[in-house]
Amino acid sequence: MKINAFAILLSILLWAAHSKAQIKIGFTNPDAILSALPEAKTIEAELKTYQNQLANELQNKQKEFQTKLEAYQKNVNDLAPAIRESRERELQNLSQALQDFQEKAQADMQMKQAQLLQPVYEKIQKAIDELAKAENFDYIFVSDAGQMPIILFAKEEYDITNKIIAKLGGTPIKKEDTKK
């Protein structure tokens, strides 16, 4: 994916150099924009509340399992074989349910995060589109996509991150923070 983005960028630049066309290219960091918006704190708080709910439910399930396990271990030698077998199955089922809950909780957390972030990223994209059109940009690239930046060098004057933040009502960030 990163190689494809680099190849596209290189193709555009080579085409522009060859055809003597004037193109205007900018770059931004959508994650830096998000973190500078007021919505980021609201989303973070909502995710934290949701995470705490899931963690409390998980803790209750773990406590139930631990209590039953300790009771079983304490009385295992006094139980009739049929009852022992029944309790072992119950513990296995509880253990599996606990594991299933952990997996589902993790998936639910990711889904909740995506659900909360999608409208904000759409808002950011709309602002980028509007700014690009208003300032006659031909291309806007993302300056950072994970571990390796896509744009390895660019003049700061082409960074539109703070313009987008201001357009969306956020607090502009220091230039060095946009590269994170």
N, C-alpha and C. Protein backbone atom coordinates (compact mmCIF):
# COMPACT_ATOMS: atom_id res chain seq x y z
N MET A 1 0.83 -1.19 0.00
CA MET A 1 0.00 0.00 0.00
C MET A 1 0.87 1.25 0.00
N LYS A 2 1.88 1.30 0.87
CA LYS A 2 2.76 2.46 0.93
C LYS A 2 3.57 2.59 -0.35
N ILE A 3 3.98 1.48 -0.89
CA ILE A 3 4.75 1.51 -2.14
C ILE A 3 3.86 2.04 -3.25
N ASN A 4 2.59 1.64 -3.28
CA ASN A 4 1.67 2.14 -4.29
C ASN A 4 1.49 3.65 -4.17
N ALA A 5 1.34 4.17 -2.95
CA ALA A 5 1.18 5.60 -2.74
C ALA A 5 2.44 6.33 -3.21
N PHE A 6 3.59 5.77 -2.89
CA PHE A 6 4.84 6.38 -3.33
C PHE A 6 4.94 6.35 -4.85
N ALA A 7 4.57 5.25 -5.46
CA ALA A 7 4.61 5.13 -6.92
C ALA A 7 3.67 6.13 -7.58
N ILE A 8 2.51 6.32 -7.01
CA ILE A 8 1.56 7.29 -7.55
C ILE A 8 2.13 8.70 -7.44
N LEU A 9 2.66 9.03 -6.27
CA LEU A 9 3.25 10.35 -6.07
C LEU A 9 4.40 10.58 -7.04
N LEU A 10 5.26 9.60 -7.19
CA LEU A 10 6.38 9.72 -8.12
C LEU A 10 5.89 9.89 -9.55
N SER A 11 4.88 9.14 -9.93
CA SER A 11 4.32 9.26 -11.28
C SER A 11 3.77 10.66 -11.53
N ILE A 12 3.07 11.20 -10.55
CA ILE A 12 2.51 12.54 -10.69
C ILE A 12 3.62 13.56 -10.86
N LEU A 13 4.64 13.46 -10.03
CA LEU A 13 5.74 14.42 -10.11
C LEU A 13 6.50 14.31 -11.43
N LEU A 14 6.73 13.09 -11.89
CA LEU A 14 7.41 12.90 -13.17
C LEU A 14 6.56 13.43 -14.33
N TRP A 15 5.27 13.18 -14.28
CA TRP A 15 4.36 13.68 -15.31
C TRP A 15 4.37 15.20 -15.34
N ALA A 16 4.33 15.82 -14.13
CA ALA A 16 4.32 17.27 -14.04
C ALA A 16 5.62 17.86 -14.58
N ALA A 17 6.74 17.24 -14.25
CA ALA A 17 8.04 17.72 -14.72
C ALA A 17 8.14 17.58 -16.23
N HIS A 18 7.65 16.49 -16.76
CA HIS A 18 7.72 16.23 -18.19
C HIS A 18 6.81 17.16 -18.98
N SER A 19 5.62 17.39 -18.50
CA SER A 19 4.65 18.18 -19.24
C SER A 19 4.73 19.68 -18.91
N LYS A 20 5.61 20.04 -18.01
CA LYS A 20 5.78 21.43 -17.59
C LYS A 20 4.50 22.00 -17.00
N ALA A 21 3.64 21.12 -16.54
CA ALA A 21 2.38 21.55 -15.93
C ALA A 21 2.65 22.06 -14.52
N GLN A 22 1.90 23.04 -14.14
CA GLN A 22 1.98 23.56 -12.78
C GLN A 22 0.94 22.83 -11.95
N ILE A 23 1.41 22.08 -11.00
CA ILE A 23 0.48 21.41 -10.10
C ILE A 23 0.75 21.90 -8.69
N LYS A 24 -0.29 21.89 -7.91
CA LYS A 24 -0.17 22.34 -6.52
C LYS A 24 -0.48 21.14 -5.63
N ILE A 25 0.51 20.79 -4.81
CA ILE A 25 0.39 19.62 -3.94
C ILE A 25 0.51 20.07 -2.49
N GLY A 26 -0.37 19.53 -1.66
CA GLY A 26 -0.30 19.80 -0.24
C GLY A 26 -0.31 18.49 0.52
N PHE A 27 -0.10 18.58 1.82
CA PHE A 27 -0.16 17.37 2.63
C PHE A 27 -0.73 17.72 4.00
N THR A 28 -1.23 16.70 4.67
CA THR A 28 -1.80 16.89 5.99
C THR A 28 -1.73 15.59 6.78
N ASN A 29 -2.04 15.68 8.05
CA ASN A 29 -2.05 14.51 8.93
C ASN A 29 -3.43 14.44 9.60
N PRO A 30 -4.33 13.61 9.07
CA PRO A 30 -5.69 13.53 9.62
C PRO A 30 -5.74 13.16 11.11
N ASP A 31 -4.81 12.34 11.57
CA ASP A 31 -4.80 11.98 12.99
C ASP A 31 -4.43 13.18 13.86
N ALA A 32 -3.51 14.01 13.39
CA ALA A 32 -3.16 15.23 14.12
C ALA A 32 -4.34 16.19 14.14
N ILE A 33 -5.06 16.25 13.03
CA ILE A 33 -6.26 17.09 12.98
C ILE A 33 -7.27 16.59 14.01
N LEU A 34 -7.53 15.29 14.00
CA LEU A 34 -8.49 14.71 14.93
C LEU A 34 -8.13 15.04 16.37
N SER A 35 -6.87 14.87 16.73
CA SER A 35 -6.47 15.09 18.12
C SER A 35 -6.60 16.55 18.54
N ALA A 36 -6.63 17.47 17.58
CA ALA A 36 -6.74 18.89 17.89
C ALA A 36 -8.19 19.38 17.96
N LEU A 37 -9.12 18.52 17.60
CA LEU A 37 -10.53 18.92 17.59
C LEU A 37 -11.19 18.67 18.94
N PRO A 38 -12.18 19.49 19.28
CA PRO A 38 -12.90 19.29 20.54
C PRO A 38 -13.57 17.92 20.64
N GLU A 39 -13.99 17.38 19.50
CA GLU A 39 -14.66 16.08 19.49
C GLU A 39 -13.76 14.95 19.99
N ALA A 40 -12.45 15.14 19.87
CA ALA A 40 -11.51 14.09 20.28
C ALA A 40 -11.66 13.76 21.75
N LYS A 41 -11.82 14.79 22.58
CA LYS A 41 -11.96 14.55 24.02
C LYS A 41 -13.28 13.86 24.34
N THR A 42 -14.33 14.24 23.64
CA THR A 42 -15.63 13.61 23.83
C THR A 42 -15.58 12.14 23.44
N ILE A 43 -14.97 11.87 22.30
CA ILE A 43 -14.84 10.49 21.82
C ILE A 43 -14.00 9.68 22.80
N GLU A 44 -12.90 10.26 23.24
CA GLU A 44 -12.03 9.56 24.18
C GLU A 44 -12.77 9.23 25.48
N ALA A 45 -13.55 10.18 25.98
CA ALA A 45 -14.31 9.95 27.22
C ALA A 45 -15.37 8.87 27.02
N GLU A 46 -16.05 8.91 25.88
CA GLU A 46 -17.07 7.91 25.60
C GLU A 46 -16.46 6.51 25.46
N LEU A 47 -15.32 6.44 24.79
CA LEU A 47 -14.64 5.15 24.66
C LEU A 47 -14.16 4.64 26.01
N LYS A 48 -13.68 5.53 26.85
CA LYS A 48 -13.22 5.14 28.18
C LYS A 48 -14.38 4.60 29.02
N THR A 49 -15.54 5.25 28.95
CA THR A 49 -16.73 4.78 29.67
C THR A 49 -17.14 3.41 29.17
N TYR A 50 -17.16 3.24 27.87
CA TYR A 50 -17.54 1.96 27.26
C TYR A 50 -16.55 0.87 27.67
N GLN A 51 -15.27 1.21 27.62
CA GLN A 51 -14.23 0.26 28.01
C GLN A 51 -14.38 -0.14 29.48
N ASN A 52 -14.70 0.81 30.33
CA ASN A 52 -14.90 0.52 31.75
C ASN A 52 -16.09 -0.41 31.98
N GLN A 53 -17.16 -0.21 31.22
CA GLN A 53 -18.32 -1.09 31.32
C GLN A 53 -17.93 -2.53 30.97
N LEU A 54 -17.20 -2.66 29.87
CA LEU A 54 -16.77 -3.99 29.44
C LEU A 54 -15.82 -4.61 30.47
N ALA A 55 -14.92 -3.79 30.99
CA ALA A 55 -13.96 -4.29 31.97
C ALA A 55 -14.67 -4.73 33.26
N ASN A 56 -15.67 -3.99 33.69
CA ASN A 56 -16.43 -4.37 34.89
C ASN A 56 -17.16 -5.70 34.68
N GLU A 57 -17.78 -5.85 33.51
CA GLU A 57 -18.48 -7.10 33.21
C GLU A 57 -17.49 -8.27 33.17
N LEU A 58 -16.34 -8.04 32.55
CA LEU A 58 -15.31 -9.07 32.50
C LEU A 58 -14.84 -9.43 33.90
N GLN A 59 -14.64 -8.44 34.72
CA GLN A 59 -14.19 -8.67 36.10
C GLN A 59 -15.24 -9.50 36.87
N ASN A 60 -16.51 -9.19 36.68
CA ASN A 60 -17.58 -9.97 37.34
C ASN A 60 -17.56 -11.42 36.89
N LYS A 61 -17.36 -11.63 35.60
CA LYS A 61 -17.32 -13.00 35.07
C LYS A 61 -16.09 -13.75 35.59
N GLN A 62 -14.96 -13.06 35.67
CA GLN A 62 -13.75 -13.68 36.19
C GLN A 62 -13.91 -14.02 37.67
N LYS A 63 -14.55 -13.15 38.40
CA LYS A 63 -14.78 -13.38 39.83
C LYS A 63 -15.69 -14.61 40.03
N GLU A 64 -16.74 -14.70 39.22
CA GLU A 64 -17.64 -15.85 39.31
C GLU A 64 -16.88 -17.14 39.02
N PHE A 65 -16.07 -17.12 37.96
CA PHE A 65 -15.29 -18.30 37.60
C PHE A 65 -14.33 -18.66 38.74
N GLN A 66 -13.62 -17.67 39.26
CA GLN A 66 -12.64 -17.92 40.32
C GLN A 66 -13.31 -18.48 41.57
N THR A 67 -14.47 -17.96 41.93
CA THR A 67 -15.20 -18.44 43.11
C THR A 67 -15.60 -19.90 42.93
N LYS A 68 -16.13 -20.23 41.76
CA LYS A 68 -16.54 -21.61 41.51
C LYS A 68 -15.34 -22.56 41.42
N LEU A 69 -14.25 -22.06 40.87
CA LEU A 69 -13.04 -22.88 40.78
C LEU A 69 -12.50 -23.17 42.17
N GLU A 70 -12.44 -22.17 43.01
CA GLU A 70 -11.93 -22.36 44.38
C GLU A 70 -12.83 -23.31 45.17
N ALA A 71 -14.14 -23.18 45.01
CA ALA A 71 -15.08 -24.08 45.70
C ALA A 71 -14.88 -25.51 45.21
N TYR A 72 -14.68 -25.66 43.90
CA TYR A 72 -14.45 -27.00 43.34
C TYR A 72 -13.15 -27.59 43.90
N GLN A 73 -12.08 -26.79 43.86
CA GLN A 73 -10.78 -27.28 44.34
C GLN A 73 -10.81 -27.63 45.83
N LYS A 74 -11.57 -26.91 46.58
CA LYS A 74 -11.67 -27.13 48.01
C LYS A 74 -12.40 -28.44 48.33
N ASN A 75 -13.39 -28.77 47.51
CA ASN A 75 -14.24 -29.92 47.80
C ASN A 75 -14.06 -31.07 46.81
N VAL A 76 -13.08 -31.01 45.92
CA VAL A 76 -12.94 -32.00 44.86
C VAL A 76 -12.86 -33.43 45.40
N ASN A 77 -12.17 -33.62 46.51
CA ASN A 77 -12.00 -34.98 47.05
C ASN A 77 -13.27 -35.52 47.71
N ASP A 78 -14.18 -34.65 48.08
CA ASP A 78 -15.42 -35.06 48.75
C ASP A 78 -16.58 -35.24 47.78
N LEU A 79 -16.39 -34.91 46.50
CA LEU A 79 -17.49 -34.96 45.53
C LEU A 79 -17.61 -36.35 44.92
N ALA A 80 -18.86 -36.73 44.70
CA ALA A 80 -19.12 -37.97 43.98
C ALA A 80 -18.64 -37.79 42.54
N PRO A 81 -18.21 -38.86 41.89
CA PRO A 81 -17.68 -38.76 40.53
C PRO A 81 -18.63 -38.03 39.57
N ALA A 82 -19.91 -38.29 39.63
CA ALA A 82 -20.86 -37.64 38.72
C ALA A 82 -20.92 -36.14 38.98
N ILE A 83 -20.91 -35.75 40.24
CA ILE A 83 -20.95 -34.33 40.59
C ILE A 83 -19.63 -33.65 40.20
N ARG A 84 -18.52 -34.34 40.42
CA ARG A 84 -17.21 -33.80 40.05
C ARG A 84 -17.16 -33.54 38.54
N GLU A 85 -17.63 -34.52 37.80
CA GLU A 85 -17.66 -34.38 36.34
C GLU A 85 -18.53 -33.21 35.91
N SER A 86 -19.66 -33.07 36.54
CA SER A 86 -20.60 -31.99 36.23
C SER A 86 -19.95 -30.62 36.53
N ARG A 87 -19.28 -30.51 37.67
CA ARG A 87 -18.62 -29.24 38.05
C ARG A 87 -17.46 -28.93 37.10
N GLU A 88 -16.73 -29.96 36.68
CA GLU A 88 -15.62 -29.75 35.74
C GLU A 88 -16.15 -29.22 34.41
N ARG A 89 -17.26 -29.81 33.95
CA ARG A 89 -17.88 -29.32 32.70
C ARG A 89 -18.34 -27.87 32.87
N GLU A 90 -18.94 -27.59 34.02
CA GLU A 90 -19.41 -26.24 34.29
C GLU A 90 -18.23 -25.26 34.28
N LEU A 91 -17.11 -25.63 34.89
CA LEU A 91 -15.93 -24.77 34.89
C LEU A 91 -15.35 -24.59 33.49
N GLN A 92 -15.36 -25.67 32.72
CA GLN A 92 -14.88 -25.57 31.33
C GLN A 92 -15.79 -24.63 30.54
N ASN A 93 -17.08 -24.76 30.73
CA ASN A 93 -18.03 -23.90 30.02
C ASN A 93 -17.86 -22.43 30.44
N LEU A 94 -17.68 -22.22 31.74
CA LEU A 94 -17.45 -20.85 32.23
C LEU A 94 -16.15 -20.27 31.68
N SER A 95 -15.12 -21.10 31.63
CA SER A 95 -13.83 -20.66 31.08
C SER A 95 -13.98 -20.28 29.61
N GLN A 96 -14.70 -21.11 28.85
CA GLN A 96 -14.92 -20.82 27.43
C GLN A 96 -15.76 -19.55 27.27
N ALA A 97 -16.79 -19.40 28.10
CA ALA A 97 -17.64 -18.21 28.04
C ALA A 97 -16.83 -16.95 28.36
N LEU A 98 -15.91 -17.07 29.29
CA LEU A 98 -15.05 -15.95 29.66
C LEU A 98 -14.15 -15.57 28.49
N GLN A 99 -13.57 -16.56 27.85
CA GLN A 99 -12.72 -16.30 26.69
C GLN A 99 -13.54 -15.69 25.54
N ASP A 100 -14.73 -16.23 25.31
CA ASP A 100 -15.61 -15.69 24.26
C ASP A 100 -15.97 -14.24 24.55
N PHE A 101 -16.27 -13.96 25.82
CA PHE A 101 -16.62 -12.59 26.20
C PHE A 101 -15.45 -11.64 25.95
N GLN A 102 -14.23 -12.06 26.28
CA GLN A 102 -13.05 -11.22 26.06
C GLN A 102 -12.90 -10.90 24.57
N GLU A 103 -13.06 -11.89 23.72
CA GLU A 103 -12.93 -11.69 22.28
C GLU A 103 -14.02 -10.77 21.76
N LYS A 104 -15.25 -10.99 22.21
CA LYS A 104 -16.37 -10.17 21.77
C LYS A 104 -16.21 -8.74 22.28
N ALA A 105 -15.75 -8.59 23.52
CA ALA A 105 -15.56 -7.25 24.08
C ALA A 105 -14.52 -6.48 23.28
N GLN A 106 -13.46 -7.15 22.89
CA GLN A 106 -12.42 -6.49 22.08
C GLN A 106 -13.00 -6.06 20.73
N ALA A 107 -13.75 -6.94 20.10
CA ALA A 107 -14.36 -6.61 18.81
C ALA A 107 -15.37 -5.47 18.97
N ASP A 108 -16.16 -5.52 20.04
CA ASP A 108 -17.14 -4.45 20.30
C ASP A 108 -16.45 -3.12 20.53
N MET A 109 -15.33 -3.14 21.21
CA MET A 109 -14.58 -1.91 21.48
C MET A 109 -14.07 -1.31 20.17
N GLN A 110 -13.56 -2.15 19.30
CA GLN A 110 -13.08 -1.67 18.00
C GLN A 110 -14.23 -1.12 17.16
N MET A 111 -15.36 -1.79 17.21
CA MET A 111 -16.53 -1.35 16.46
C MET A 111 -17.04 0.00 17.00
N LYS A 112 -17.06 0.15 18.31
CA LYS A 112 -17.50 1.40 18.94
C LYS A 112 -16.57 2.54 18.54
N GLN A 113 -15.27 2.27 18.55
CA GLN A 113 -14.28 3.28 18.17
C GLN A 113 -14.50 3.71 16.71
N ALA A 114 -14.69 2.75 15.83
CA ALA A 114 -14.92 3.06 14.42
C ALA A 114 -16.22 3.85 14.25
N GLN A 115 -17.24 3.46 14.98
CA GLN A 115 -18.54 4.14 14.92
C GLN A 115 -18.42 5.60 15.36
N LEU A 116 -17.64 5.86 16.39
CA LEU A 116 -17.48 7.22 16.89
C LEU A 116 -16.56 8.06 15.99
N LEU A 117 -15.55 7.43 15.41
CA LEU A 117 -14.57 8.17 14.61
C LEU A 117 -15.03 8.44 13.18
N GLN A 118 -15.86 7.58 12.63
CA GLN A 118 -16.26 7.72 11.23
C GLN A 118 -16.84 9.10 10.90
N PRO A 119 -17.80 9.61 11.67
CA PRO A 119 -18.35 10.93 11.32
C PRO A 119 -17.30 12.05 11.40
N VAL A 120 -16.37 11.93 12.32
CA VAL A 120 -15.34 12.97 12.46
C VAL A 120 -14.38 12.89 11.28
N TYR A 121 -13.99 11.69 10.89
CA TYR A 121 -13.10 11.57 9.73
C TYR A 121 -13.81 12.03 8.45
N GLU A 122 -15.11 11.80 8.36
CA GLU A 122 -15.86 12.31 7.21
C GLU A 122 -15.86 13.84 7.21
N LYS A 123 -16.02 14.42 8.38
CA LYS A 123 -15.99 15.88 8.54
C LYS A 123 -14.61 16.43 8.15
N ILE A 124 -13.56 15.73 8.58
CA ILE A 124 -12.19 16.13 8.22
C ILE A 124 -11.99 16.05 6.71
N GLN A 125 -12.46 14.96 6.11
CA GLN A 125 -12.31 14.80 4.66
C GLN A 125 -13.05 15.90 3.90
N LYS A 126 -14.24 16.23 4.38
CA LYS A 126 -15.03 17.30 3.74
C LYS A 126 -14.27 18.63 3.82
N ALA A 127 -13.68 18.91 4.97
CA ALA A 127 -12.91 20.15 5.14
C ALA A 127 -11.68 20.15 4.23
N ILE A 128 -11.02 19.01 4.11
CA ILE A 128 -9.86 18.90 3.20
C ILE A 128 -10.31 19.16 1.77
N ASP A 129 -11.41 18.55 1.37
CA ASP A 129 -11.93 18.75 0.01
C ASP A 129 -12.25 20.22 -0.25
N GLU A 130 -12.91 20.86 0.71
CA GLU A 130 -13.29 22.26 0.54
C GLU A 130 -12.06 23.16 0.47
N LEU A 131 -11.08 22.93 1.34
CA LEU A 131 -9.87 23.74 1.33
C LEU A 131 -9.09 23.52 0.03
N ALA A 132 -8.99 22.28 -0.40
CA ALA A 132 -8.26 21.97 -1.63
C ALA A 132 -8.89 22.69 -2.82
N LYS A 133 -10.21 22.69 -2.86
CA LYS A 133 -10.91 23.37 -3.95
C LYS A 133 -10.73 24.88 -3.85
N ALA A 134 -10.88 25.44 -2.65
CA ALA A 134 -10.78 26.88 -2.45
C ALA A 134 -9.38 27.41 -2.75
N GLU A 135 -8.36 26.62 -2.42
CA GLU A 135 -6.98 27.08 -2.62
C GLU A 135 -6.34 26.46 -3.86
N ASN A 136 -7.15 25.82 -4.67
CA ASN A 136 -6.73 25.29 -5.97
C ASN A 136 -5.60 24.25 -5.89
N PHE A 137 -5.69 23.35 -4.91
CA PHE A 137 -4.73 22.24 -4.82
C PHE A 137 -5.13 21.18 -5.84
N ASP A 138 -4.13 20.58 -6.46
CA ASP A 138 -4.40 19.45 -7.35
C ASP A 138 -4.43 18.15 -6.57
N TYR A 139 -3.56 18.05 -5.56
CA TYR A 139 -3.46 16.83 -4.75
C TYR A 139 -3.18 17.20 -3.30
N ILE A 140 -3.78 16.45 -2.40
CA ILE A 140 -3.47 16.53 -0.98
C ILE A 140 -3.10 15.12 -0.55
N PHE A 141 -1.92 14.97 0.02
CA PHE A 141 -1.46 13.67 0.47
C PHE A 141 -1.47 13.60 1.99
N VAL A 142 -1.58 12.39 2.50
CA VAL A 142 -1.46 12.18 3.93
C VAL A 142 0.04 12.14 4.25
N SER A 143 0.44 12.87 5.29
CA SER A 143 1.87 12.95 5.58
C SER A 143 2.37 11.75 6.37
N ASP A 144 1.45 11.03 7.00
CA ASP A 144 1.86 9.91 7.85
C ASP A 144 0.78 8.85 7.81
N ALA A 145 1.18 7.64 7.50
CA ALA A 145 0.23 6.52 7.47
C ALA A 145 0.83 5.34 8.22
N GLY A 146 0.87 5.47 9.52
CA GLY A 146 1.39 4.37 10.33
C GLY A 146 2.86 4.55 10.66
N GLN A 147 3.58 3.47 10.56
CA GLN A 147 4.99 3.46 10.97
C GLN A 147 5.88 4.31 10.06
N MET A 148 5.65 4.25 8.78
CA MET A 148 6.53 4.93 7.82
C MET A 148 5.78 6.06 7.14
N PRO A 149 6.31 7.29 7.21
CA PRO A 149 5.62 8.38 6.53
C PRO A 149 5.61 8.17 5.03
N ILE A 150 4.55 8.60 4.40
CA ILE A 150 4.45 8.49 2.95
C ILE A 150 5.26 9.61 2.30
N ILE A 151 5.17 10.79 2.88
CA ILE A 151 5.94 11.92 2.37
C ILE A 151 7.21 12.02 3.21
N LEU A 152 8.32 11.78 2.59
CA LEU A 152 9.59 11.78 3.30
C LEU A 152 10.18 13.17 3.44
N PHE A 153 9.83 14.07 2.53
CA PHE A 153 10.24 15.45 2.65
C PHE A 153 9.24 16.33 1.92
N ALA A 154 8.92 17.45 2.55
CA ALA A 154 8.07 18.46 1.91
C ALA A 154 8.29 19.76 2.65
N LYS A 155 8.17 20.86 1.94
CA LYS A 155 8.29 22.17 2.56
C LYS A 155 7.09 22.37 3.48
N GLU A 156 7.34 22.96 4.62
CA GLU A 156 6.28 23.20 5.61
C GLU A 156 5.14 24.03 5.05
N GLU A 157 5.43 24.88 4.09
CA GLU A 157 4.39 25.76 3.53
C GLU A 157 3.28 24.96 2.84
N TYR A 158 3.53 23.71 2.52
CA TYR A 158 2.51 22.88 1.87
C TYR A 158 1.71 22.03 2.85
N ASP A 159 2.02 22.17 4.13
CA ASP A 159 1.29 21.44 5.18
C ASP A 159 0.00 22.20 5.49
N ILE A 160 -1.13 21.62 5.20
CA ILE A 160 -2.42 22.29 5.41
C ILE A 160 -3.10 21.84 6.70
N THR A 161 -2.40 21.09 7.53
CA THR A 161 -3.01 20.54 8.75
C THR A 161 -3.65 21.61 9.61
N ASN A 162 -2.92 22.68 9.94
CA ASN A 162 -3.48 23.72 10.81
C ASN A 162 -4.61 24.49 10.14
N LYS A 163 -4.58 24.61 8.82
CA LYS A 163 -5.69 25.27 8.12
C LYS A 163 -6.97 24.45 8.29
N ILE A 164 -6.84 23.14 8.22
CA ILE A 164 -8.01 22.26 8.38
C ILE A 164 -8.50 22.32 9.83
N ILE A 165 -7.57 22.30 10.77
CA ILE A 165 -7.94 22.38 12.19
C ILE A 165 -8.70 23.67 12.46
N ALA A 166 -8.18 24.79 11.95
CA ALA A 166 -8.85 26.08 12.15
C ALA A 166 -10.22 26.09 11.49
N LYS A 167 -10.32 25.52 10.32
CA LYS A 167 -11.60 25.46 9.59
C LYS A 167 -12.64 24.67 10.39
N LEU A 168 -12.18 23.65 11.13
CA LEU A 168 -13.09 22.80 11.91
C LEU A 168 -13.26 23.28 13.36
N GLY A 169 -12.64 24.41 13.71
CA GLY A 169 -12.83 24.97 15.04
C GLY A 169 -11.93 24.40 16.11
N GLY A 170 -10.87 23.73 15.70
CA GLY A 170 -9.93 23.16 16.68
C GLY A 170 -8.82 24.14 16.99
N THR A 171 -7.95 23.73 17.89
CA THR A 171 -6.79 24.54 18.27
C THR A 171 -5.60 24.12 17.43
N PRO A 172 -5.04 25.04 16.64
CA PRO A 172 -3.87 24.70 15.82
C PRO A 172 -2.75 24.11 16.68
N ILE A 173 -2.00 23.23 16.07
CA ILE A 173 -0.93 22.54 16.78
C ILE A 173 0.43 23.01 16.28
N LYS A 174 1.45 22.78 17.10
CA LYS A 174 2.81 23.14 16.71
C LYS A 174 3.21 22.29 15.51
N LYS A 175 4.00 22.84 14.64
CA LYS A 175 4.41 22.13 13.42
C LYS A 175 5.06 20.79 13.70
N GLU A 176 5.90 20.69 14.72
CA GLU A 176 6.57 19.41 14.99
C GLU A 176 5.58 18.33 15.42
N ASP A 177 4.41 18.72 15.97
CA ASP A 177 3.41 17.75 16.41
C ASP A 177 2.66 17.12 15.23
N THR A 178 2.65 17.77 14.07
CA THR A 178 1.92 17.24 12.92
C THR A 178 2.63 16.05 12.30
N LYS A 179 3.89 15.82 12.64
CA LYS A 179 4.64 14.71 12.06
C LYS A 179 4.56 13.45 12.88
N LYS A 180 3.84 13.47 13.97
CA LYS A 180 3.75 12.30 14.84
C LYS A 180 2.88 11.26 14.22
